[in-house]
Protein backbone atom coordinates (compact mmCIF):
# COMPACT_ATOMS: atom_id res chain seq x y z
CA MET A 1 22.00 -34.31 307.00
CA ARG A 2 18.42 -35.52 306.59
CA VAL A 3 16.87 -34.23 303.36
CA ALA A 4 13.17 -34.19 302.49
CA ILE A 5 12.11 -34.06 298.84
CA ILE A 6 8.67 -32.67 298.02
CA GLY A 7 7.63 -34.39 294.80
CA TYR A 8 8.97 -37.52 293.10
CA GLY A 9 8.27 -36.87 289.45
CA LEU A 10 10.95 -36.34 286.81
CA SER A 11 12.82 -33.70 288.80
CA GLY A 12 12.61 -35.21 292.26
CA ARG A 13 13.30 -38.77 291.17
CA PHE A 14 16.00 -38.35 288.55
CA PHE A 15 17.69 -34.99 289.25
CA HIS A 16 17.57 -34.44 292.99
CA ALA A 17 17.35 -37.80 294.78
CA PRO A 18 20.33 -39.49 293.04
CA LEU A 19 22.56 -36.43 293.47
CA ILE A 20 21.63 -36.12 297.15
CA ALA A 21 22.23 -39.83 297.75
CA ALA A 22 25.62 -39.57 296.03
CA THR A 23 26.75 -36.61 298.16
CA PRO A 24 28.68 -37.56 301.33
CA GLY A 25 26.97 -36.08 304.36
CA LEU A 26 23.48 -35.98 302.80
CA GLU A 27 20.75 -38.62 302.78
CA VAL A 28 17.27 -38.87 301.28
CA ALA A 29 15.28 -39.24 304.50
CA ARG A 30 11.69 -38.42 303.48
CA VAL A 31 9.81 -38.07 300.20
CA VAL A 32 6.42 -36.44 299.76
CA THR A 33 4.24 -38.21 297.20
CA SER A 34 0.80 -39.80 297.21
CA ASN A 35 1.18 -41.51 293.82
CA PRO A 36 1.21 -45.31 294.38
CA LEU A 37 3.71 -45.93 291.56
CA ARG A 38 6.08 -43.28 292.88
CA CYS A 39 5.78 -44.66 296.40
CA ARG A 40 7.00 -48.01 295.07
CA GLN A 41 9.82 -46.26 293.20
CA VAL A 42 11.00 -44.54 296.37
CA ALA A 43 10.95 -47.85 298.26
CA ALA A 44 13.04 -49.52 295.57
CA GLU A 45 15.49 -46.70 294.93
CA HIS A 46 15.87 -45.22 298.44
CA PRO A 47 14.75 -47.96 300.83
CA GLY A 48 15.78 -45.98 303.90
CA ALA A 49 13.50 -43.07 303.05
CA GLU A 50 10.08 -42.58 304.60
CA VAL A 51 7.25 -41.74 302.19
CA VAL A 52 4.60 -39.30 303.37
CA PRO A 53 1.43 -38.46 301.41
CA ASP A 54 1.39 -34.67 301.66
CA VAL A 55 3.35 -31.64 302.81
CA GLN A 56 1.39 -31.20 306.03
CA THR A 57 2.35 -34.72 307.09
CA LEU A 58 5.97 -33.83 306.39
CA TRP A 59 5.83 -30.97 308.88
CA SER A 60 4.13 -33.11 311.53
CA GLY A 61 7.04 -35.56 311.71
CA PRO A 62 10.70 -35.08 312.63
CA ALA A 63 11.92 -31.87 311.04
CA PRO A 64 14.24 -32.38 308.07
CA GLU A 65 17.50 -30.46 307.95
CA LEU A 66 17.04 -29.53 304.29
CA VAL A 67 13.95 -29.38 302.09
CA VAL A 68 14.00 -29.77 298.31
CA VAL A 69 10.94 -28.46 296.46
CA ALA A 70 10.52 -30.55 293.31
CA SER A 71 6.74 -30.19 293.01
CA PRO A 72 4.93 -28.51 290.06
CA ASN A 73 5.92 -24.91 289.37
CA ASP A 74 2.78 -23.29 290.75
CA SER A 75 3.45 -24.84 294.19
CA HIS A 76 7.08 -23.75 294.51
CA VAL A 77 6.43 -20.57 296.45
CA ALA A 78 3.93 -22.10 298.88
CA ASN A 79 6.08 -25.12 299.69
CA ALA A 80 9.28 -23.09 300.02
CA SER A 81 7.51 -20.54 302.23
CA GLU A 82 6.44 -23.25 304.66
CA ALA A 83 10.02 -24.47 304.94
CA ILE A 84 11.27 -20.93 305.52
CA GLU A 85 8.65 -20.36 308.23
CA ARG A 86 10.09 -23.39 310.01
CA ARG A 87 13.66 -22.10 309.59
CA ILE A 88 14.60 -25.02 307.34
CA PRO A 89 17.05 -24.38 304.47
CA VAL A 90 15.39 -24.96 301.12
CA VAL A 91 16.31 -25.80 297.54
CA VAL A 92 13.72 -24.90 294.92
CA ASP A 93 13.83 -26.49 291.51
CA LYS A 94 13.83 -23.93 288.73
CA PRO A 95 11.91 -21.78 288.09
CA LEU A 96 11.88 -20.30 291.57
CA ALA A 97 8.30 -19.10 290.95
CA ILE A 98 5.99 -18.55 288.00
CA ALA A 99 6.38 -14.76 288.22
CA ALA A 100 9.30 -12.50 289.10
CA ALA A 101 7.33 -10.61 291.76
CA GLN A 102 6.52 -13.86 293.57
CA ALA A 103 10.15 -14.94 293.39
CA GLU A 104 11.40 -11.60 294.72
CA ALA A 105 8.98 -11.77 297.65
CA LEU A 106 10.18 -15.28 298.48
CA VAL A 107 13.83 -14.18 298.44
CA THR A 108 12.97 -11.29 300.75
CA ARG A 109 11.13 -13.66 303.10
CA ALA A 110 14.15 -15.97 303.30
CA GLN A 111 16.55 -13.08 303.90
CA ARG A 112 14.43 -11.68 306.74
CA ALA A 113 14.23 -15.12 308.33
CA ALA A 114 17.99 -15.70 307.80
CA VAL A 115 17.21 -19.02 306.07
CA LEU A 116 19.30 -20.33 303.19
CA LEU A 117 17.34 -20.36 299.94
CA THR A 118 18.85 -21.52 296.67
CA VAL A 119 17.64 -22.60 293.22
CA PHE A 120 18.56 -25.76 291.32
CA GLN A 121 20.17 -24.27 288.22
CA ASN A 122 22.10 -27.48 287.61
CA ARG A 123 22.92 -26.72 283.99
CA ARG A 124 25.49 -24.15 285.04
CA TRP A 125 27.60 -27.28 285.48
CA ASP A 126 26.93 -28.77 282.03
CA SER A 127 30.00 -29.98 280.19
CA ASP A 128 29.56 -27.45 277.37
CA GLN A 129 29.23 -24.52 279.80
CA ARG A 130 32.27 -25.55 281.83
CA THR A 131 34.29 -26.05 278.65
CA LEU A 132 33.18 -22.68 277.24
CA ARG A 133 34.14 -20.89 280.46
CA ARG A 134 37.59 -22.44 280.20
CA LEU A 135 37.98 -21.37 276.57
CA ILE A 136 36.94 -17.81 277.42
CA ALA A 137 39.41 -17.72 280.31
CA GLU A 138 42.16 -18.97 277.99
CA ASP A 139 41.22 -16.33 275.36
CA ALA A 140 40.85 -19.15 272.83
CA LEU A 141 37.95 -17.39 271.07
CA GLY A 142 39.01 -13.76 271.21
CA GLU A 143 36.14 -11.41 271.98
CA VAL A 144 32.82 -13.24 272.02
CA VAL A 145 30.44 -11.48 269.63
CA ARG A 146 27.59 -14.00 269.34
CA TYR A 147 26.26 -16.73 271.61
CA GLU A 148 23.64 -19.18 270.31
CA SER A 149 22.27 -21.66 272.83
CA ARG A 150 19.44 -24.14 272.16
CA PHE A 151 17.43 -26.94 273.65
CA GLU A 152 15.63 -28.25 270.59
CA ARG A 153 13.74 -31.52 270.39
CA TRP A 154 11.28 -33.42 268.23
CA ARG A 155 8.10 -34.32 270.14
CA PRO A 156 5.25 -33.73 267.70
CA GLU A 157 2.58 -35.28 269.95
CA LEU A 158 1.41 -33.93 273.30
CA ASP A 159 2.02 -36.19 276.28
CA ARG A 160 -1.10 -35.82 278.40
CA THR A 161 0.64 -37.52 281.34
CA LYS A 162 3.05 -34.59 281.77
CA TRP A 163 1.72 -31.60 283.67
CA ARG A 164 4.06 -29.16 281.90
CA GLU A 165 2.33 -29.94 278.61
CA ASN A 166 -1.17 -29.61 279.99
CA VAL A 167 -0.92 -26.46 282.14
CA ALA A 168 -1.09 -22.91 280.79
CA PRO A 169 2.04 -20.72 281.05
CA ALA A 170 0.27 -18.45 283.55
CA GLU A 171 0.00 -21.50 285.82
CA GLY A 172 3.62 -22.56 285.32
CA GLY A 173 3.31 -24.83 282.29
CA GLY A 174 5.05 -24.84 278.92
CA VAL A 175 8.72 -24.99 278.01
CA LEU A 176 9.59 -21.30 278.27
CA LEU A 177 9.71 -21.50 282.08
CA ASP A 178 11.17 -25.01 281.94
CA LEU A 179 14.02 -24.99 279.42
CA GLY A 180 14.07 -21.20 279.03
CA SER A 181 15.07 -20.86 282.67
CA HIS A 182 18.24 -22.81 281.94
CA LEU A 183 19.12 -20.96 278.75
CA VAL A 184 18.69 -17.51 280.28
CA ASP A 185 20.56 -18.45 283.47
CA GLN A 186 23.48 -19.86 281.48
CA ALA A 187 23.72 -16.74 279.33
CA MET A 188 23.65 -14.38 282.30
CA THR A 189 26.18 -16.49 284.22
CA LEU A 190 28.56 -16.18 281.28
CA PHE A 191 27.96 -12.60 280.16
CA GLY A 192 26.23 -10.65 282.91
CA PRO A 193 22.95 -8.70 283.15
CA VAL A 194 20.47 -8.43 280.28
CA THR A 195 19.70 -4.98 278.88
CA HIS A 196 17.27 -5.76 276.03
CA VAL A 197 15.00 -8.70 275.16
CA TYR A 198 13.55 -9.69 271.80
CA ALA A 199 11.56 -12.91 271.54
CA GLU A 200 9.28 -14.97 269.36
CA VAL A 201 7.02 -17.34 271.25
CA ASP A 202 4.83 -19.78 269.35
CA SER A 203 2.78 -22.89 270.06
CA ARG A 204 2.19 -25.42 267.31
CA ARG A 205 0.60 -28.28 269.25
CA GLY A 206 -1.02 -26.65 272.24
CA ALA A 207 1.89 -26.27 274.65
CA ALA A 208 5.28 -25.90 272.99
CA ALA A 209 7.14 -25.46 269.73
CA ASP A 210 9.22 -28.45 268.65
CA THR A 211 11.42 -28.84 265.61
CA PRO A 212 12.11 -31.87 263.39
CA SER A 213 15.55 -30.55 262.40
CA VAL A 214 17.47 -30.08 265.62
CA GLY A 215 20.20 -27.45 265.59
CA PRO A 216 23.53 -27.49 267.46
CA ARG A 217 23.35 -27.28 271.23
CA LEU A 218 25.86 -24.40 271.35
CA ARG A 219 27.44 -22.11 268.74
CA VAL A 220 29.69 -19.35 270.04
CA GLN A 221 31.37 -16.91 267.68
CA GLY A 222 34.52 -15.06 268.68
CA THR A 223 36.81 -12.68 266.83
CA THR A 224 39.51 -15.36 266.48
CA ALA A 225 37.61 -18.67 266.62
CA GLY A 226 34.24 -20.26 267.22
CA PHE A 227 33.11 -23.05 269.53
CA LEU A 228 30.55 -25.57 268.27
CA VAL A 229 28.85 -28.27 270.35
CA SER A 230 26.31 -30.53 268.67
CA ALA A 231 24.98 -32.68 271.52
CA LEU A 232 23.33 -32.13 274.89
CA ASP A 233 25.25 -32.68 278.11
CA PRO A 234 25.09 -36.43 278.98
CA GLN A 235 24.19 -36.17 282.68
CA GLU A 236 20.40 -36.11 282.32
CA ALA A 237 20.39 -39.22 280.15
CA ALA A 238 22.68 -41.01 282.60
CA LEU A 239 20.51 -40.16 285.60
CA ARG A 240 17.32 -41.19 283.80
CA ALA A 241 18.98 -44.49 282.94
CA GLY A 242 19.57 -45.14 286.65
CA ALA A 243 23.27 -44.21 286.88
CA ARG A 244 24.67 -42.26 289.81
CA PRO A 245 27.77 -40.05 289.91
CA ASP A 246 29.27 -41.97 292.83
CA THR A 247 29.25 -45.19 290.80
CA VAL A 248 30.49 -43.91 287.40
CA ALA A 249 34.21 -43.19 287.02
CA ASP A 250 33.96 -40.74 284.10
CA TRP A 251 30.74 -39.04 285.19
CA GLY A 252 29.60 -36.20 282.95
CA THR A 253 32.19 -36.78 280.21
CA PRO A 254 30.68 -36.63 276.71
CA ASP A 255 31.40 -39.37 274.20
CA GLN A 256 34.21 -38.52 271.82
CA HIS A 257 31.88 -37.77 268.90
CA GLU A 258 29.72 -35.45 271.05
CA ARG A 259 32.52 -33.15 272.23
CA GLY A 260 32.86 -29.60 271.00
CA ARG A 261 35.10 -28.29 268.26
CA LEU A 262 37.14 -25.11 267.92
CA VAL A 263 36.51 -23.71 264.45
CA ALA A 264 38.27 -20.99 262.46
CA GLY A 265 37.08 -21.03 258.87
CA GLU A 266 38.03 -24.39 257.34
CA HIS A 267 40.22 -25.24 260.34
CA SER A 268 38.34 -27.38 262.89
CA VAL A 269 39.85 -29.27 265.83
CA PRO A 270 38.23 -31.19 268.71
CA VAL A 271 38.28 -29.51 272.12
CA PRO A 272 39.04 -31.50 275.30
CA ALA A 273 35.79 -31.44 277.25
CA GLU A 274 35.41 -30.46 280.87
CA PRO A 275 33.21 -33.14 282.47
CA GLY A 276 29.72 -32.09 283.44
CA ASP A 277 29.42 -31.70 287.20
CA TRP A 278 25.82 -31.51 288.43
CA PRO A 279 26.92 -33.15 291.71
CA ARG A 280 28.80 -29.96 292.50
CA PHE A 281 25.53 -28.19 293.30
CA TYR A 282 24.88 -30.38 296.34
CA SER A 283 28.54 -30.45 297.33
CA LEU A 284 28.58 -26.65 297.41
CA LEU A 285 25.28 -26.61 299.27
CA ARG A 286 26.58 -29.02 301.90
CA GLU A 287 29.60 -26.76 302.43
CA ALA A 288 27.40 -23.67 302.67
CA LEU A 289 25.22 -25.27 305.31
CA ALA A 290 28.19 -26.55 307.27
CA ASN A 291 30.33 -23.41 307.14
CA GLY A 292 27.91 -20.56 306.52
CA GLY A 293 29.17 -19.76 303.03
CA PRO A 294 27.16 -18.58 300.02
CA PRO A 295 24.62 -20.92 298.38
CA PRO A 296 25.57 -22.62 295.11
CA VAL A 297 23.10 -20.38 293.25
CA ASP A 298 22.13 -16.92 294.46
CA PRO A 299 18.31 -16.88 294.43
CA ARG A 300 18.40 -13.29 293.17
CA ASP A 301 19.77 -14.73 289.91
CA ALA A 302 16.56 -16.72 289.56
CA VAL A 303 14.52 -13.54 290.03
CA GLU A 304 16.44 -11.89 287.19
CA THR A 305 15.91 -14.95 284.99
CA LEU A 306 12.15 -14.65 285.50
CA ARG A 307 12.28 -10.93 284.65
CA VAL A 308 13.92 -11.84 281.34
CA LEU A 309 11.34 -14.54 280.60
CA GLU A 310 8.50 -12.14 281.39
CA ALA A 311 10.10 -9.59 279.06
CA ALA A 312 10.26 -12.30 276.41
CA ARG A 313 6.51 -12.88 276.63
CA LEU A 314 5.89 -9.13 276.46
CA ALA A 315 8.22 -8.71 273.48
CA ALA A 316 6.55 -11.59 271.63
CA ARG A 317 3.08 -10.27 272.36
CA ASP A 318 3.86 -6.71 271.23
CA ARG A 319 6.43 -7.61 268.56
CA SER A 320 8.84 -5.24 270.22
CA ILE A 321 12.19 -5.03 271.95
CA VAL A 322 11.83 -4.74 275.72
CA SER A 323 14.41 -2.77 277.73
CA LEU A 324 15.39 -3.92 281.21
């Protein structure tokens, strides 16, 4: 199946292209980028792929069988809409849009056209999330009463080369849409719909709030035990280092010292980790396209995620609790 990727920045280059190339039955056939450096990167990393300078040139050539939208957030809806108009299945990197109303309209458009639309919520398949789901299924924690989930980092200086740090939130920039999309999606996947939202949103350096003292990645409190994970899932670092899941035997498995622990008071024991499995997104997508099954991520979930993030902005602005 010939796949076209629109955009070859961080997302297109490191998250989508390697996973597509590692999935049997899929190939990176075309990449849309006009950046000379990125053109050279495509040639080196996917020598069989054709590079085209813009989206209109993509449509003028042989039609791809799948389109992946990995362009900046404010172009997601426009690029996905053009694929839908051409009856081409489409993957949109999160967030699906920069506003819930836009996302909902896009989902409706895809449904009316009977075109598969899905959203790359790859962190549903993080090691910590897969391990937590197993612990909940085994009743290892009792009733879950508190779920703390963080992506914290220490980047005190703005990077002017990154569009997310130089574009206003209303135009799709900032980390609330970026990392917040993952955190909200993970929480709703585990625990269901959101009823109330309270949020504090602050900017210390012009685009995002960073912290010099990074907290644990995950802290889940149950009535019989807690689950504590200190480190981030290893798949992003592996992909950015040039590794691919089809060439690494223990793909997605955290190092021993980074695995979670089951804690009950002073009693603390390591928990066998489920390996992270971002490749599963494209495996499930391939099966859906071949057999007509459901997409790996229901795009309506991405609409609900955006509703929560919009409620977070409203709650922070008004210093209130927003009901959904």
